Amino acid sequence: AKEEEVRAREEALRTEKEAVISRKDEEIETLKRGTAELKELSALQVRGKTDEIEALIRKVGDLDERLRERESELDRKSEELSEARTNAAQADLVPTLEAHIEELKKMLEETGQKSSEVETALKAKEEEIR
């Protein structure tokens, strides 16, 4: 009877031990699945962050492109302004130049008249001499 009791007890302990091992195996499997799921979520988060970072990089690239376009436009406007200033300065000179041209024309006319007078006087002297 004692032997029977010892065997029954050993059997109960073996059954309990197997149940504990089975529960522990299930817990280990659950932890493994949880760990795998966490890794997947982490990878998704990393991919999400990577996508966000790539989107930000593209946005920065777009902004950089627009900045270069604006700088180029600013350079063109600066050149146009410089040309406009040069043209304005030249336009300011036009009346002065026109006045000088008029003076030169008058001087030419006077010189022409004097030349004509000298020529006439010279012809008159030639006539006198003859």
N, C-alpha and C. Protein backbone atom coordinates (compact mmCIF):
# COMPACT_ATOMS: atom_id res chain seq x y z
N ALA A 1 0.82 -1.18 0.00
CA ALA A 1 0.00 0.00 0.00
C ALA A 1 0.88 1.25 0.00
N LYS A 2 1.95 1.19 0.79
CA LYS A 2 2.84 2.33 0.82
C LYS A 2 3.50 2.52 -0.53
N GLU A 3 3.85 1.44 -1.12
CA GLU A 3 4.46 1.51 -2.45
C GLU A 3 3.49 2.11 -3.44
N GLU A 4 2.26 1.72 -3.32
CA GLU A 4 1.21 2.22 -4.19
C GLU A 4 1.03 3.72 -3.97
N GLU A 5 1.09 4.12 -2.74
CA GLU A 5 0.93 5.53 -2.38
C GLU A 5 2.13 6.33 -2.92
N VAL A 6 3.33 5.78 -2.81
CA VAL A 6 4.52 6.46 -3.31
C VAL A 6 4.43 6.59 -4.81
N ARG A 7 3.98 5.50 -5.49
CA ARG A 7 3.83 5.57 -6.96
C ARG A 7 2.77 6.60 -7.36
N ALA A 8 1.68 6.62 -6.64
CA ALA A 8 0.61 7.57 -6.94
C ALA A 8 1.12 8.99 -6.75
N ARG A 9 1.88 9.17 -5.70
CA ARG A 9 2.43 10.49 -5.41
C ARG A 9 3.46 10.88 -6.49
N GLU A 10 4.32 9.94 -6.87
CA GLU A 10 5.29 10.19 -7.93
C GLU A 10 4.57 10.54 -9.22
N GLU A 11 3.50 9.81 -9.50
CA GLU A 11 2.70 10.06 -10.72
C GLU A 11 2.08 11.46 -10.65
N ALA A 12 1.55 11.82 -9.49
CA ALA A 12 0.94 13.15 -9.32
C ALA A 12 2.00 14.23 -9.50
N LEU A 13 3.18 14.00 -8.92
CA LEU A 13 4.25 14.98 -9.06
C LEU A 13 4.72 15.07 -10.51
N ARG A 14 4.82 13.92 -11.19
CA ARG A 14 5.22 13.92 -12.59
C ARG A 14 4.19 14.67 -13.43
N THR A 15 2.92 14.41 -13.19
CA THR A 15 1.83 15.08 -13.91
C THR A 15 1.89 16.59 -13.64
N GLU A 16 2.09 16.95 -12.35
CA GLU A 16 2.17 18.37 -12.00
C GLU A 16 3.40 19.00 -12.66
N LYS A 17 4.51 18.27 -12.65
CA LYS A 17 5.74 18.75 -13.26
C LYS A 17 5.54 18.97 -14.74
N GLU A 18 4.89 18.02 -15.43
CA GLU A 18 4.62 18.15 -16.86
C GLU A 18 3.69 19.33 -17.13
N ALA A 19 2.70 19.53 -16.24
CA ALA A 19 1.77 20.65 -16.39
C ALA A 19 2.53 21.97 -16.24
N VAL A 20 3.43 22.04 -15.23
CA VAL A 20 4.23 23.25 -15.02
C VAL A 20 5.12 23.49 -16.23
N ILE A 21 5.78 22.44 -16.73
CA ILE A 21 6.64 22.56 -17.91
C ILE A 21 5.82 23.02 -19.11
N SER A 22 4.63 22.44 -19.27
CA SER A 22 3.76 22.82 -20.39
C SER A 22 3.37 24.30 -20.29
N ARG A 23 3.00 24.75 -19.06
CA ARG A 23 2.63 26.16 -18.87
C ARG A 23 3.83 27.07 -19.15
N LYS A 24 4.99 26.67 -18.65
CA LYS A 24 6.20 27.46 -18.89
C LYS A 24 6.52 27.50 -20.38
N ASP A 25 6.37 26.41 -21.12
CA ASP A 25 6.58 26.39 -22.57
C ASP A 25 5.61 27.34 -23.27
N GLU A 26 4.34 27.32 -22.80
CA GLU A 26 3.33 28.23 -23.38
C GLU A 26 3.72 29.68 -23.10
N GLU A 27 4.17 29.94 -21.86
CA GLU A 27 4.60 31.31 -21.52
C GLU A 27 5.80 31.73 -22.38
N ILE A 28 6.74 30.80 -22.58
CA ILE A 28 7.90 31.09 -23.42
C ILE A 28 7.45 31.38 -24.84
N GLU A 29 6.55 30.59 -25.39
CA GLU A 29 6.02 30.82 -26.75
C GLU A 29 5.30 32.17 -26.82
N THR A 30 4.52 32.47 -25.79
CA THR A 30 3.81 33.76 -25.75
C THR A 30 4.83 34.90 -25.72
N LEU A 31 5.88 34.77 -24.92
CA LEU A 31 6.92 35.80 -24.87
C LEU A 31 7.63 35.93 -26.22
N LYS A 32 7.90 34.77 -26.85
CA LYS A 32 8.54 34.82 -28.17
C LYS A 32 7.66 35.55 -29.17
N ARG A 33 6.34 35.23 -29.18
CA ARG A 33 5.41 35.90 -30.11
C ARG A 33 5.35 37.40 -29.79
N GLY A 34 5.29 37.72 -28.48
CA GLY A 34 5.25 39.13 -28.07
C GLY A 34 6.51 39.86 -28.51
N THR A 35 7.65 39.20 -28.34
CA THR A 35 8.91 39.80 -28.76
C THR A 35 8.94 40.02 -30.26
N ALA A 36 8.47 39.01 -31.01
CA ALA A 36 8.43 39.13 -32.48
C ALA A 36 7.50 40.28 -32.89
N GLU A 37 6.34 40.38 -32.22
CA GLU A 37 5.40 41.46 -32.53
C GLU A 37 6.02 42.83 -32.20
N LEU A 38 6.72 42.89 -31.07
CA LEU A 38 7.39 44.15 -30.71
C LEU A 38 8.44 44.52 -31.74
N LYS A 39 9.18 43.52 -32.20
CA LYS A 39 10.19 43.78 -33.24
C LYS A 39 9.52 44.29 -34.51
N GLU A 40 8.39 43.67 -34.88
CA GLU A 40 7.67 44.13 -36.08
C GLU A 40 7.19 45.56 -35.89
N LEU A 41 6.59 45.84 -34.71
CA LEU A 41 6.13 47.21 -34.45
C LEU A 41 7.29 48.19 -34.48
N SER A 42 8.39 47.80 -33.90
CA SER A 42 9.56 48.66 -33.89
C SER A 42 10.04 48.91 -35.32
N ALA A 43 10.06 47.84 -36.12
CA ALA A 43 10.48 47.99 -37.52
C ALA A 43 9.52 48.91 -38.26
N LEU A 44 8.20 48.76 -37.98
CA LEU A 44 7.21 49.65 -38.61
C LEU A 44 7.44 51.10 -38.18
N GLN A 45 7.73 51.28 -36.90
CA GLN A 45 7.99 52.64 -36.42
C GLN A 45 9.24 53.21 -37.08
N VAL A 46 10.27 52.38 -37.18
CA VAL A 46 11.50 52.83 -37.82
C VAL A 46 11.22 53.18 -39.27
N ARG A 47 10.46 52.30 -39.97
CA ARG A 47 10.12 52.60 -41.37
C ARG A 47 9.30 53.87 -41.46
N GLY A 48 8.37 54.03 -40.51
CA GLY A 48 7.56 55.25 -40.49
C GLY A 48 8.43 56.47 -40.29
N LYS A 49 9.37 56.37 -39.35
CA LYS A 49 10.28 57.50 -39.11
C LYS A 49 11.15 57.74 -40.34
N THR A 50 11.59 56.64 -40.95
CA THR A 50 12.41 56.76 -42.16
C THR A 50 11.61 57.47 -43.25
N ASP A 51 10.33 57.08 -43.40
CA ASP A 51 9.48 57.74 -44.39
C ASP A 51 9.34 59.22 -44.07
N GLU A 52 9.14 59.52 -42.77
CA GLU A 52 9.02 60.93 -42.36
C GLU A 52 10.30 61.68 -42.67
N ILE A 53 11.43 61.05 -42.35
CA ILE A 53 12.73 61.69 -42.59
C ILE A 53 12.93 61.91 -44.08
N GLU A 54 12.60 60.90 -44.89
CA GLU A 54 12.74 61.05 -46.35
C GLU A 54 11.84 62.16 -46.86
N ALA A 55 10.61 62.24 -46.31
CA ALA A 55 9.70 63.31 -46.73
C ALA A 55 10.29 64.68 -46.36
N LEU A 56 10.88 64.76 -45.17
CA LEU A 56 11.49 66.03 -44.75
C LEU A 56 12.68 66.37 -45.63
N ILE A 57 13.46 65.34 -45.99
CA ILE A 57 14.61 65.58 -46.87
C ILE A 57 14.12 66.10 -48.22
N ARG A 58 13.05 65.48 -48.75
CA ARG A 58 12.49 65.97 -50.03
C ARG A 58 11.99 67.40 -49.88
N LYS A 59 11.35 67.69 -48.75
CA LYS A 59 10.83 69.05 -48.53
C LYS A 59 11.98 70.05 -48.47
N VAL A 60 13.06 69.68 -47.76
CA VAL A 60 14.23 70.56 -47.68
C VAL A 60 14.82 70.75 -49.07
N GLY A 61 14.88 69.65 -49.87
CA GLY A 61 15.38 69.75 -51.24
C GLY A 61 14.54 70.71 -52.07
N ASP A 62 13.20 70.60 -51.92
CA ASP A 62 12.30 71.50 -52.64
C ASP A 62 12.52 72.95 -52.22
N LEU A 63 12.65 73.15 -50.91
CA LEU A 63 12.87 74.51 -50.41
C LEU A 63 14.20 75.06 -50.90
N ASP A 64 15.22 74.20 -50.93
CA ASP A 64 16.54 74.61 -51.43
C ASP A 64 16.45 75.00 -52.90
N GLU A 65 15.71 74.21 -53.67
CA GLU A 65 15.52 74.50 -55.10
C GLU A 65 14.83 75.86 -55.26
N ARG A 66 13.75 76.08 -54.48
CA ARG A 66 13.04 77.36 -54.58
C ARG A 66 13.94 78.52 -54.15
N LEU A 67 14.78 78.27 -53.14
CA LEU A 67 15.70 79.31 -52.70
C LEU A 67 16.67 79.67 -53.81
N ARG A 68 17.20 78.65 -54.50
CA ARG A 68 18.12 78.91 -55.61
C ARG A 68 17.40 79.68 -56.72
N GLU A 69 16.15 79.32 -56.99
CA GLU A 69 15.39 80.04 -58.01
C GLU A 69 15.21 81.50 -57.60
N ARG A 70 14.89 81.72 -56.33
CA ARG A 70 14.70 83.09 -55.84
C ARG A 70 16.00 83.87 -55.92
N GLU A 71 17.12 83.22 -55.56
CA GLU A 71 18.42 83.89 -55.65
C GLU A 71 18.72 84.26 -57.10
N SER A 72 18.42 83.35 -58.01
CA SER A 72 18.65 83.62 -59.43
C SER A 72 17.76 84.77 -59.89
N GLU A 73 16.51 84.76 -59.45
CA GLU A 73 15.58 85.84 -59.80
C GLU A 73 16.08 87.16 -59.21
N LEU A 74 16.59 87.11 -57.99
CA LEU A 74 17.13 88.31 -57.35
C LEU A 74 18.33 88.84 -58.13
N ASP A 75 19.19 87.94 -58.59
CA ASP A 75 20.34 88.35 -59.40
C ASP A 75 19.87 89.04 -60.69
N ARG A 76 18.85 88.44 -61.35
CA ARG A 76 18.32 89.04 -62.58
C ARG A 76 17.73 90.42 -62.28
N LYS A 77 16.97 90.53 -61.20
CA LYS A 77 16.37 91.82 -60.85
C LYS A 77 17.46 92.85 -60.53
N SER A 78 18.53 92.40 -59.88
CA SER A 78 19.63 93.29 -59.56
C SER A 78 20.29 93.80 -60.83
N GLU A 79 20.49 92.90 -61.80
CA GLU A 79 21.06 93.31 -63.09
C GLU A 79 20.14 94.29 -63.80
N GLU A 80 18.83 94.01 -63.78
CA GLU A 80 17.86 94.92 -64.41
C GLU A 80 17.91 96.29 -63.75
N LEU A 81 18.01 96.28 -62.42
CA LEU A 81 18.07 97.55 -61.69
C LEU A 81 19.34 98.32 -62.05
N SER A 82 20.44 97.60 -62.15
CA SER A 82 21.70 98.23 -62.53
C SER A 82 21.59 98.83 -63.94
N GLU A 83 21.00 98.07 -64.85
CA GLU A 83 20.81 98.59 -66.21
C GLU A 83 19.90 99.81 -66.20
N ALA A 84 18.83 99.73 -65.39
CA ALA A 84 17.90 100.86 -65.31
C ALA A 84 18.61 102.10 -64.77
N ARG A 85 19.47 101.90 -63.77
CA ARG A 85 20.22 103.04 -63.21
C ARG A 85 21.15 103.62 -64.27
N THR A 86 21.82 102.72 -65.01
CA THR A 86 22.72 103.19 -66.08
C THR A 86 21.94 103.95 -67.12
N ASN A 87 20.79 103.39 -67.52
CA ASN A 87 19.94 104.06 -68.51
C ASN A 87 19.45 105.40 -68.00
N ALA A 88 19.10 105.45 -66.72
CA ALA A 88 18.62 106.72 -66.14
C ALA A 88 19.75 107.75 -66.14
N ALA A 89 20.95 107.28 -65.79
CA ALA A 89 22.09 108.21 -65.78
C ALA A 89 22.36 108.72 -67.19
N GLN A 90 22.26 107.82 -68.17
CA GLN A 90 22.46 108.23 -69.56
C GLN A 90 21.35 109.17 -70.00
N ALA A 91 20.14 108.88 -69.56
CA ALA A 91 19.01 109.75 -69.93
C ALA A 91 19.20 111.14 -69.34
N ASP A 92 19.78 111.20 -68.14
CA ASP A 92 20.06 112.50 -67.53
C ASP A 92 21.10 113.27 -68.34
N LEU A 93 21.99 112.57 -69.02
CA LEU A 93 23.04 113.22 -69.81
C LEU A 93 22.52 113.74 -71.15
N VAL A 94 21.42 113.17 -71.63
CA VAL A 94 20.92 113.53 -72.97
C VAL A 94 20.68 115.04 -73.11
N PRO A 95 19.97 115.68 -72.20
CA PRO A 95 19.76 117.13 -72.38
C PRO A 95 21.08 117.91 -72.41
N THR A 96 22.03 117.52 -71.57
CA THR A 96 23.34 118.20 -71.55
C THR A 96 24.04 118.00 -72.89
N LEU A 97 24.02 116.75 -73.39
CA LEU A 97 24.65 116.47 -74.67
C LEU A 97 23.98 117.24 -75.80
N GLU A 98 22.66 117.30 -75.76
CA GLU A 98 21.93 118.04 -76.80
C GLU A 98 22.33 119.52 -76.77
N ALA A 99 22.47 120.07 -75.56
CA ALA A 99 22.87 121.48 -75.43
C ALA A 99 24.28 121.68 -76.02
N HIS A 100 25.18 120.75 -75.73
CA HIS A 100 26.54 120.84 -76.29
C HIS A 100 26.51 120.75 -77.82
N ILE A 101 25.67 119.86 -78.31
CA ILE A 101 25.56 119.72 -79.77
C ILE A 101 25.07 121.02 -80.38
N GLU A 102 24.09 121.65 -79.76
CA GLU A 102 23.58 122.92 -80.26
C GLU A 102 24.67 123.99 -80.26
N GLU A 103 25.45 124.02 -79.17
CA GLU A 103 26.55 124.98 -79.09
C GLU A 103 27.56 124.73 -80.21
N LEU A 104 27.88 123.44 -80.43
CA LEU A 104 28.83 123.10 -81.48
C LEU A 104 28.29 123.49 -82.85
N LYS A 105 26.98 123.30 -83.06
CA LYS A 105 26.38 123.70 -84.35
C LYS A 105 26.51 125.20 -84.56
N LYS A 106 26.23 125.96 -83.49
CA LYS A 106 26.33 127.41 -83.59
C LYS A 106 27.77 127.82 -83.90
N MET A 107 28.71 127.17 -83.17
CA MET A 107 30.12 127.48 -83.41
C MET A 107 30.50 127.15 -84.85
N LEU A 108 29.98 126.02 -85.34
CA LEU A 108 30.26 125.62 -86.72
C LEU A 108 29.70 126.65 -87.70
N GLU A 109 28.48 127.09 -87.42
CA GLU A 109 27.87 128.09 -88.28
C GLU A 109 28.70 129.38 -88.26
N GLU A 110 29.07 129.78 -87.05
CA GLU A 110 29.88 131.00 -86.92
C GLU A 110 31.20 130.85 -87.66
N THR A 111 31.81 129.66 -87.47
CA THR A 111 33.08 129.40 -88.14
C THR A 111 32.87 129.42 -89.65
N GLY A 112 31.74 128.81 -90.08
CA GLY A 112 31.43 128.82 -91.50
C GLY A 112 31.22 130.24 -92.01
N GLN A 113 30.52 131.05 -91.23
CA GLN A 113 30.30 132.43 -91.64
C GLN A 113 31.62 133.19 -91.69
N LYS A 114 32.44 133.00 -90.68
CA LYS A 114 33.73 133.69 -90.65
C LYS A 114 34.60 133.21 -91.79
N SER A 115 34.53 131.91 -92.02
CA SER A 115 35.31 131.36 -93.12
C SER A 115 34.84 131.98 -94.44
N SER A 116 33.54 132.10 -94.55
CA SER A 116 32.98 132.70 -95.75
C SER A 116 33.40 134.17 -95.85
N GLU A 117 33.39 134.87 -94.73
CA GLU A 117 33.82 136.27 -94.73
C GLU A 117 35.30 136.38 -95.10
N VAL A 118 36.10 135.46 -94.52
CA VAL A 118 37.53 135.47 -94.82
C VAL A 118 37.73 135.18 -96.30
N GLU A 119 36.98 134.22 -96.81
CA GLU A 119 37.10 133.86 -98.23
C GLU A 119 36.72 135.06 -99.11
N THR A 120 35.65 135.70 -98.72
CA THR A 120 35.21 136.86 -99.49
C THR A 120 36.27 137.96 -99.42
N ALA A 121 36.80 138.18 -98.22
CA ALA A 121 37.83 139.20 -98.05
C ALA A 121 39.07 138.81 -98.84
N LEU A 122 39.41 137.54 -98.86
CA LEU A 122 40.57 137.06 -99.59
C LEU A 122 40.37 137.29 -101.09
N LYS A 123 39.19 136.99 -101.58
CA LYS A 123 38.90 137.20 -103.00
C LYS A 123 38.99 138.69 -103.34
N ALA A 124 38.47 139.49 -102.42
CA ALA A 124 38.52 140.93 -102.64
C ALA A 124 39.97 141.41 -102.71
N LYS A 125 40.84 140.90 -101.85
CA LYS A 125 42.26 141.27 -101.85
C LYS A 125 42.91 140.80 -103.14
N GLU A 126 42.54 139.60 -103.59
CA GLU A 126 43.10 139.09 -104.85
C GLU A 126 42.70 140.01 -105.99
N GLU A 127 41.50 140.45 -105.97
CA GLU A 127 41.00 141.34 -107.01
C GLU A 127 41.79 142.68 -106.98
N GLU A 128 41.96 143.13 -105.79
CA GLU A 128 42.72 144.38 -105.60
C GLU A 128 44.12 144.22 -106.16
N ILE A 129 44.71 143.09 -105.84
CA ILE A 129 46.09 142.84 -106.26
C ILE A 129 46.12 142.76 -107.78
N ARG A 130 45.20 142.25 -108.42
CA ARG A 130 45.23 142.07 -109.88
C ARG A 130 44.96 143.39 -110.49
